[in-house]
PDB file of N, CA and C in Angstrom:
ATOM      1  N   MET A   1     104.842 109.311  98.515  1.00  0.00           N
ATOM      2  CA  MET A   1     103.786 108.349  98.769  1.00  0.00           C
ATOM      3  C   MET A   1     102.481 108.956  98.277  1.00  0.00           C
ATOM      4  N   GLY A   2     101.772 108.198  97.459  1.00  0.00           N
ATOM      5  CA  GLY A   2     100.523 108.683  96.899  1.00  0.00           C
ATOM      6  C   GLY A   2      99.365 108.581  97.879  1.00  0.00           C
ATOM      7  N   THR A   3      98.261 109.176  97.474  1.00  0.00           N
ATOM      8  CA  THR A   3      97.072 109.173  98.328  1.00  0.00           C
ATOM      9  C   THR A   3      96.518 107.763  98.511  1.00  0.00           C
ATOM     10  N   GLY A   4      96.509 106.982  97.431  1.00  0.00           N
ATOM     11  CA  GLY A   4      96.012 105.613  97.523  1.00  0.00           C
ATOM     12  C   GLY A   4      96.841 104.759  98.456  1.00  0.00           C
ATOM     13  N   THR A   5      98.150 104.946  98.386  1.00  0.00           N
ATOM     14  CA  THR A   5      99.042 104.193  99.269  1.00  0.00           C
ATOM     15  C   THR A   5      98.800 104.561 100.723  1.00  0.00           C
ATOM     16  N   LEU A   6      98.610 105.842 100.968  1.00  0.00           N
ATOM     17  CA  LEU A   6      98.349 106.295 102.337  1.00  0.00           C
ATOM     18  C   LEU A   6      97.029 105.735 102.870  1.00  0.00           C
ATOM     19  N   ILE A   7      96.019 105.726 102.028  1.00  0.00           N
ATOM     20  CA  ILE A   7      94.720 105.171 102.442  1.00  0.00           C
ATOM     21  C   ILE A   7      94.843 103.681 102.736  1.00  0.00           C
ATOM     22  N   PHE A   8      95.574 102.957 101.870  1.00  0.00           N
ATOM     23  CA  PHE A   8      95.768 101.523 102.091  1.00  0.00           C
ATOM     24  C   PHE A   8      96.547 101.265 103.374  1.00  0.00           C
ATOM     25  N   MET A   9      97.521 102.121 103.686  1.00  0.00           N
ATOM     26  CA  MET A   9      98.316 101.952 104.904  1.00  0.00           C
ATOM     27  C   MET A   9      97.508 102.266 106.161  1.00  0.00           C
ATOM     28  N   ILE A  10      96.423 102.989 106.034  1.00  0.00           N
ATOM     29  CA  ILE A  10      95.545 103.263 107.176  1.00  0.00           C
ATOM     30  C   ILE A  10      94.464 102.196 107.295  1.00  0.00           C
ATOM     31  N   VAL A  11      93.825 101.873 106.177  1.00  0.00           N
ATOM     32  CA  VAL A  11      92.702 100.932 106.196  1.00  0.00           C
ATOM     33  C   VAL A  11      93.173  99.492 106.414  1.00  0.00           C
ATOM     34  N   GLY A  12      94.329  99.126 105.873  1.00  0.00           N
ATOM     35  CA  GLY A  12      94.829  97.754 105.988  1.00  0.00           C
ATOM     36  C   GLY A  12      95.027  97.289 107.416  1.00  0.00           C
ATOM     37  N   PRO A  13      95.820  98.009 108.221  1.00  0.00           N
ATOM     38  CA  PRO A  13      95.986  97.572 109.617  1.00  0.00           C
ATOM     39  C   PRO A  13      94.696  97.612 110.427  1.00  0.00           C
ATOM     40  N   ILE A  14      93.807  98.545 110.119  1.00  0.00           N
ATOM     41  CA  ILE A  14      92.511  98.577 110.815  1.00  0.00           C
ATOM     42  C   ILE A  14      91.726  97.313 110.498  1.00  0.00           C
ATOM     43  N   ALA A  15      91.744  96.883 109.233  1.00  0.00           N
ATOM     44  CA  ALA A  15      91.048  95.649 108.850  1.00  0.00           C
ATOM     45  C   ALA A  15      91.688  94.423 109.504  1.00  0.00           C
ATOM     46  N   ILE A  16      93.010  94.431 109.621  1.00  0.00           N
ATOM     47  CA  ILE A  16      93.680  93.316 110.283  1.00  0.00           C
ATOM     48  C   ILE A  16      93.256  93.233 111.751  1.00  0.00           C
ATOM     49  N   LEU A  17      93.282  94.368 112.442  1.00  0.00           N
ATOM     50  CA  LEU A  17      92.893  94.373 113.861  1.00  0.00           C
ATOM     51  C   LEU A  17      91.427  93.983 114.051  1.00  0.00           C
ATOM     52  N   ALA A  18      90.561  94.481 113.173  1.00  0.00           N
ATOM     53  CA  ALA A  18      89.147  94.113 113.273  1.00  0.00           C
ATOM     54  C   ALA A  18      88.945  92.621 113.027  1.00  0.00           C
ATOM     55  N   GLY A  19      89.662  92.068 112.059  1.00  0.00           N
ATOM     56  CA  GLY A  19      89.546  90.638 111.773  1.00  0.00           C
ATOM     57  C   GLY A  19      90.042  89.774 112.915  1.00  0.00           C
ATOM     58  N   VAL A  20      91.173  90.144 113.496  1.00  0.00           N
ATOM     59  CA  VAL A  20      91.709  89.368 114.619  1.00  0.00           C
ATOM     60  C   VAL A  20      90.774  89.465 115.821  1.00  0.00           C
ATOM     61  N   THR A  21      90.211  90.650 116.050  1.00  0.00           N
ATOM     62  CA  THR A  21      89.257  90.811 117.149  1.00  0.00           C
ATOM     63  C   THR A  21      88.020  89.942 116.940  1.00  0.00           C
ATOM     64  N   MET A  22      87.512  89.913 115.711  1.00  0.00           N
ATOM     65  CA  MET A  22      86.346  89.063 115.430  1.00  0.00           C
ATOM     66  C   MET A  22      86.682  87.592 115.626  1.00  0.00           C
ATOM     67  N   MET A  23      87.893  87.187 115.246  1.00  0.00           N
ATOM     68  CA  MET A  23      88.274  85.791 115.440  1.00  0.00           C
ATOM     69  C   MET A  23      88.377  85.438 116.921  1.00  0.00           C
ATOM     70  N   ILE A  24      88.888  86.353 117.733  1.00  0.00           N
ATOM     71  CA  ILE A  24      88.989  86.088 119.170  1.00  0.00           C
ATOM     72  C   ILE A  24      87.607  85.917 119.785  1.00  0.00           C
ATOM     73  N   PHE A  25      86.680  86.827 119.434  1.00  0.00           N
ATOM     74  CA  PHE A  25      85.322  86.713 119.965  1.00  0.00           C
ATOM     75  C   PHE A  25      84.625  85.450 119.464  1.00  0.00           C
ATOM     76  N   ALA A  26      84.902  85.066 118.230  1.00  0.00           N
ATOM     77  CA  ALA A  26      84.277  83.859 117.683  1.00  0.00           C
ATOM     78  C   ALA A  26      84.778  82.609 118.386  1.00  0.00           C
ATOM     79  N   ILE A  27      86.074  82.555 118.655  1.00  0.00           N
ATOM     80  CA  ILE A  27      86.627  81.371 119.330  1.00  0.00           C
ATOM     81  C   ILE A  27      86.091  81.270 120.748  1.00  0.00           C
ATOM     82  N   ARG A  28      85.944  82.411 121.422  1.00  0.00           N
ATOM     83  CA  ARG A  28      85.392  82.381 122.775  1.00  0.00           C
ATOM     84  C   ARG A  28      83.917  82.010 122.791  1.00  0.00           C
ATOM     85  N   GLY A  29      83.215  82.229 121.670  1.00  0.00           N
ATOM     86  CA  GLY A  29      81.792  81.938 121.610  1.00  0.00           C
ATOM     87  C   GLY A  29      81.469  80.503 121.263  1.00  0.00           C
ATOM     88  N   GLY A  30      82.440  79.691 121.005  1.00  0.00           N
ATOM     89  CA  GLY A  30      82.185  78.283 120.683  1.00  0.00           C
ATOM     90  C   GLY A  30      81.930  78.092 119.204  1.00  0.00           C
ATOM     91  N   VAL A  31      82.983  77.878 118.455  1.00  0.00           N
ATOM     92  CA  VAL A  31      82.891  77.847 117.000  1.00  0.00           C
ATOM     93  C   VAL A  31      82.060  76.669 116.495  1.00  0.00           C
ATOM     94  N   GLY A  32      82.276  75.491 116.985  1.00  0.00           N
ATOM     95  CA  GLY A  32      81.556  74.329 116.466  1.00  0.00           C
ATOM     96  C   GLY A  32      80.112  74.234 116.904  1.00  0.00           C
ATOM     97  N   GLU A  33      79.757  74.907 117.992  1.00  0.00           N
ATOM     98  CA  GLU A  33      78.420  74.777 118.553  1.00  0.00           C
ATOM     99  C   GLU A  33      77.457  75.868 118.092  1.00  0.00           C
ATOM    100  N   ASN A  34      77.963  77.064 117.879  1.00  0.00           N
ATOM    101  CA  ASN A  34      77.126  78.205 117.563  1.00  0.00           C
ATOM    102  C   ASN A  34      77.370  78.632 116.111  1.00  0.00           C
ATOM    103  N   PRO A  35      76.329  78.627 115.262  1.00  0.00           N
ATOM    104  CA  PRO A  35      76.530  79.034 113.866  1.00  0.00           C
ATOM    105  C   PRO A  35      76.981  80.493 113.726  1.00  0.00           C
ATOM    106  N   LYS A  36      76.545  81.348 114.647  1.00  0.00           N
ATOM    107  CA  LYS A  36      76.953  82.753 114.593  1.00  0.00           C
ATOM    108  C   LYS A  36      78.464  82.877 114.818  1.00  0.00           C
ATOM    109  N   SER A  37      78.993  82.111 115.748  1.00  0.00           N
ATOM    110  CA  SER A  37      80.425  82.148 116.015  1.00  0.00           C
ATOM    111  C   SER A  37      81.226  81.596 114.837  1.00  0.00           C
ATOM    112  N   THR A  38      80.692  80.576 114.195  1.00  0.00           N
ATOM    113  CA  THR A  38      81.364  80.018 113.037  1.00  0.00           C
ATOM    114  C   THR A  38      81.418  81.031 111.899  1.00  0.00           C
ATOM    115  N   ALA A  39      80.305  81.720 111.657  1.00  0.00           N
ATOM    116  CA  ALA A  39      80.281  82.749 110.617  1.00  0.00           C
ATOM    117  C   ALA A  39      81.200  83.912 110.970  1.00  0.00           C
ATOM    118  N   MET A  40      81.258  84.265 112.244  1.00  0.00           N
ATOM    119  CA  MET A  40      82.125  85.357 112.666  1.00  0.00           C
ATOM    120  C   MET A  40      83.599  84.967 112.520  1.00  0.00           C
ATOM    121  N   LEU A  41      83.927  83.710 112.742  1.00  0.00           N
ATOM    122  CA  LEU A  41      85.296  83.245 112.548  1.00  0.00           C
ATOM    123  C   LEU A  41      85.700  83.344 111.079  1.00  0.00           C
ATOM    124  N   ILE A  42      84.814  82.929 110.191  1.00  0.00           N
ATOM    125  CA  ILE A  42      85.092  83.013 108.760  1.00  0.00           C
ATOM    126  C   ILE A  42      85.236  84.467 108.330  1.00  0.00           C
ATOM    127  N   ALA A  43      84.341  85.325 108.791  1.00  0.00           N
ATOM    128  CA  ALA A  43      84.415  86.750 108.439  1.00  0.00           C
ATOM    129  C   ALA A  43      85.680  87.395 108.992  1.00  0.00           C
ATOM    130  N   GLY A  44      86.091  86.998 110.178  1.00  0.00           N
ATOM    131  CA  GLY A  44      87.316  87.542 110.757  1.00  0.00           C
ATOM    132  C   GLY A  44      88.546  87.140 109.973  1.00  0.00           C
ATOM    133  N   MET A  45      88.571  85.884 109.514  1.00  0.00           N
ATOM    134  CA  MET A  45      89.707  85.449 108.699  1.00  0.00           C
ATOM    135  C   MET A  45      89.742  86.193 107.373  1.00  0.00           C
ATOM    136  N   MET A  46      88.577  86.417 106.777  1.00  0.00           N
ATOM    137  CA  MET A  46      88.533  87.139 105.515  1.00  0.00           C
ATOM    138  C   MET A  46      88.952  88.594 105.700  1.00  0.00           C
ATOM    139  N   ALA A  47      88.531  89.231 106.773  1.00  0.00           N
ATOM    140  CA  ALA A  47      88.905  90.621 107.025  1.00  0.00           C
ATOM    141  C   ALA A  47      90.399  90.754 107.294  1.00  0.00           C
ATOM    142  N   ALA A  48      90.957  89.819 108.045  1.00  0.00           N
ATOM    143  CA  ALA A  48      92.396  89.866 108.324  1.00  0.00           C
ATOM    144  C   ALA A  48      93.209  89.636 107.049  1.00  0.00           C
ATOM    145  N   ALA A  49      92.769  88.725 106.203  1.00  0.00           N
ATOM    146  CA  ALA A  49      93.471  88.482 104.944  1.00  0.00           C
ATOM    147  C   ALA A  49      93.364  89.697 104.021  1.00  0.00           C
ATOM    148  N   PHE A  50      92.201  90.323 103.981  1.00  0.00           N
ATOM    149  CA  PHE A  50      92.014  91.520 103.156  1.00  0.00           C
ATOM    150  C   PHE A  50      92.914  92.654 103.633  1.00  0.00           C
ATOM    151  N   GLY A  51      92.996  92.853 104.943  1.00  0.00           N
ATOM    152  CA  GLY A  51      93.861  93.885 105.490  1.00  0.00           C
ATOM    153  C   GLY A  51      95.324  93.610 105.210  1.00  0.00           C
ATOM    154  N   THR A  52      95.715  92.329 105.266  1.00  0.00           N
ATOM    155  CA  THR A  52      97.089  91.964 104.962  1.00  0.00           C
ATOM    156  C   THR A  52      97.420  92.255 103.503  1.00  0.00           C
ATOM    157  N   LEU A  53      96.501  91.942 102.594  1.00  0.00           N
ATOM    158  CA  LEU A  53      96.733  92.220 101.185  1.00  0.00           C
ATOM    159  C   LEU A  53      96.816  93.717 100.917  1.00  0.00           C
ATOM    160  N   LEU A  54      95.922  94.491 101.514  1.00  0.00           N
ATOM    161  CA  LEU A  54      95.973  95.942 101.327  1.00  0.00           C
ATOM    162  C   LEU A  54      97.303  96.510 101.793  1.00  0.00           C
ATOM    163  N   THR A  55      97.725  96.106 102.962  1.00  0.00           N
ATOM    164  CA  THR A  55      98.978  96.618 103.506  1.00  0.00           C
ATOM    165  C   THR A  55     100.170  96.165 102.672  1.00  0.00           C
ATOM    166  N   ALA A  56     100.165  94.930 102.229  1.00  0.00           N
ATOM    167  CA  ALA A  56     101.274  94.429 101.427  1.00  0.00           C
ATOM    168  C   ALA A  56     101.366  95.158 100.089  1.00  0.00           C
ATOM    169  N   PHE A  57     100.239  95.400  99.448  1.00  0.00           N
ATOM    170  CA  PHE A  57     100.270  96.127  98.184  1.00  0.00           C
ATOM    171  C   PHE A  57     100.694  97.578  98.385  1.00  0.00           C
ATOM    172  N   ALA A  58     100.299  98.178  99.498  1.00  0.00           N
ATOM    173  CA  ALA A  58     100.712  99.553  99.781  1.00  0.00           C
ATOM    174  C   ALA A  58     102.219  99.632  99.991  1.00  0.00           C
ATOM    175  N   ILE A  59     102.775  98.680 100.721  1.00  0.00           N
ATOM    176  CA  ILE A  59     104.226  98.668 100.941  1.00  0.00           C
ATOM    177  C   ILE A  59     104.948  98.403  99.622  1.00  0.00           C
ATOM    178  N   GLY A  60     104.419  97.488  98.827  1.00  0.00           N
ATOM    179  CA  GLY A  60     105.044  97.182  97.543  1.00  0.00           C
ATOM    180  C   GLY A  60     105.016  98.347  96.577  1.00  0.00           C
ATOM    181  N   SER A  61     103.921  99.087  96.543  1.00  0.00           N
ATOM    182  CA  SER A  61     103.856 100.215  95.623  1.00  0.00           C
ATOM    183  C   SER A  61     104.681 101.404  96.131  1.00  0.00           C
ATOM    184  N   ALA A  62     104.845 101.523  97.448  1.00  0.00           N
ATOM    185  CA  ALA A  62     105.662 102.603  97.984  1.00  0.00           C
ATOM    186  C   ALA A  62     107.140 102.329  97.760  1.00  0.00           C
ATOM    187  N   ALA A  63     107.521 101.076  97.657  1.00  0.00           N
ATOM    188  CA  ALA A  63     108.919 100.711  97.446  1.00  0.00           C
ATOM    189  C   ALA A  63     109.358 100.969  96.013  1.00  0.00           C
ATOM    190  N   GLY A  64     108.432 101.158  95.114  1.00  0.00           N
ATOM    191  CA  GLY A  64     108.777 101.424  93.733  1.00  0.00           C
ATOM    192  C   GLY A  64     108.610 100.190  92.867  1.00  0.00           C
ATOM    193  N   PRO A  65     108.848 100.357  91.583  1.00  0.00           N
ATOM    194  CA  PRO A  65     108.682  99.219  90.680  1.00  0.00           C
ATOM    195  C   PRO A  65     109.762  98.155  90.897  1.00  0.00           C
ATOM    196  N   ALA A  66     109.406  96.943  90.605  1.00  0.00           N
ATOM    197  CA  ALA A  66     110.373  95.856  90.720  1.00  0.00           C
ATOM    198  C   ALA A  66     111.420  96.002  89.627  1.00  0.00           C
ATOM    199  N   THR A  67     112.634  95.728  89.967  1.00  0.00           N
ATOM    200  CA  THR A  67     113.725  95.843  88.988  1.00  0.00           C
ATOM    201  C   THR A  67     114.278  94.462  88.676  1.00  0.00           C
ATOM    202  N   LEU A  68     113.565  93.751  87.846  1.00  0.00           N
ATOM    203  CA  LEU A  68     114.011  92.431  87.430  1.00  0.00           C
ATOM    204  C   LEU A  68     114.862  92.581  86.173  1.00  0.00           C
ATOM    205  N   PRO A  69     115.953  91.847  86.072  1.00  0.00           N
ATOM    206  CA  PRO A  69     116.776  91.954  84.878  1.00  0.00           C
ATOM    207  C   PRO A  69     116.051  91.378  83.670  1.00  0.00           C
ATOM    208  N   GLN A  70     116.124  92.064  82.569  1.00  0.00           N
ATOM    209  CA  GLN A  70     115.472  91.620  81.343  1.00  0.00           C
ATOM    210  C   GLN A  70     116.488  90.879  80.483  1.00  0.00           C
ATOM    211  N   GLY A  71     116.027  89.845  79.865  1.00  0.00           N
ATOM    212  CA  GLY A  71     116.907  89.074  78.989  1.00  0.00           C
ATOM    213  C   GLY A  71     117.522  87.890  79.714  1.00  0.00           C
ATOM    214  N   ALA A  72     118.237  87.086  78.955  1.00  0.00           N
ATOM    215  CA  ALA A  72     118.820  85.897  79.558  1.00  0.00           C
ATOM    216  C   ALA A  72     120.299  85.928  79.565  1.00  0.00           C
TER     217      ALA A  72
END
């Protein structure tokens, strides 16, 4: 496992947890009524999606190259 993969495997889940936490606080703050809560909900979704992508790419690169058959 390379250094980049290890960093992605650490940062990705942290970003997911931070995003989910921000979404929970935003929902409790009243999303439709408070602009700050609405912005926090959007930021939480973006952070969770970013963490998911980082983790998915780290798992994919650690698994090795894809072995698709060439030719028909």
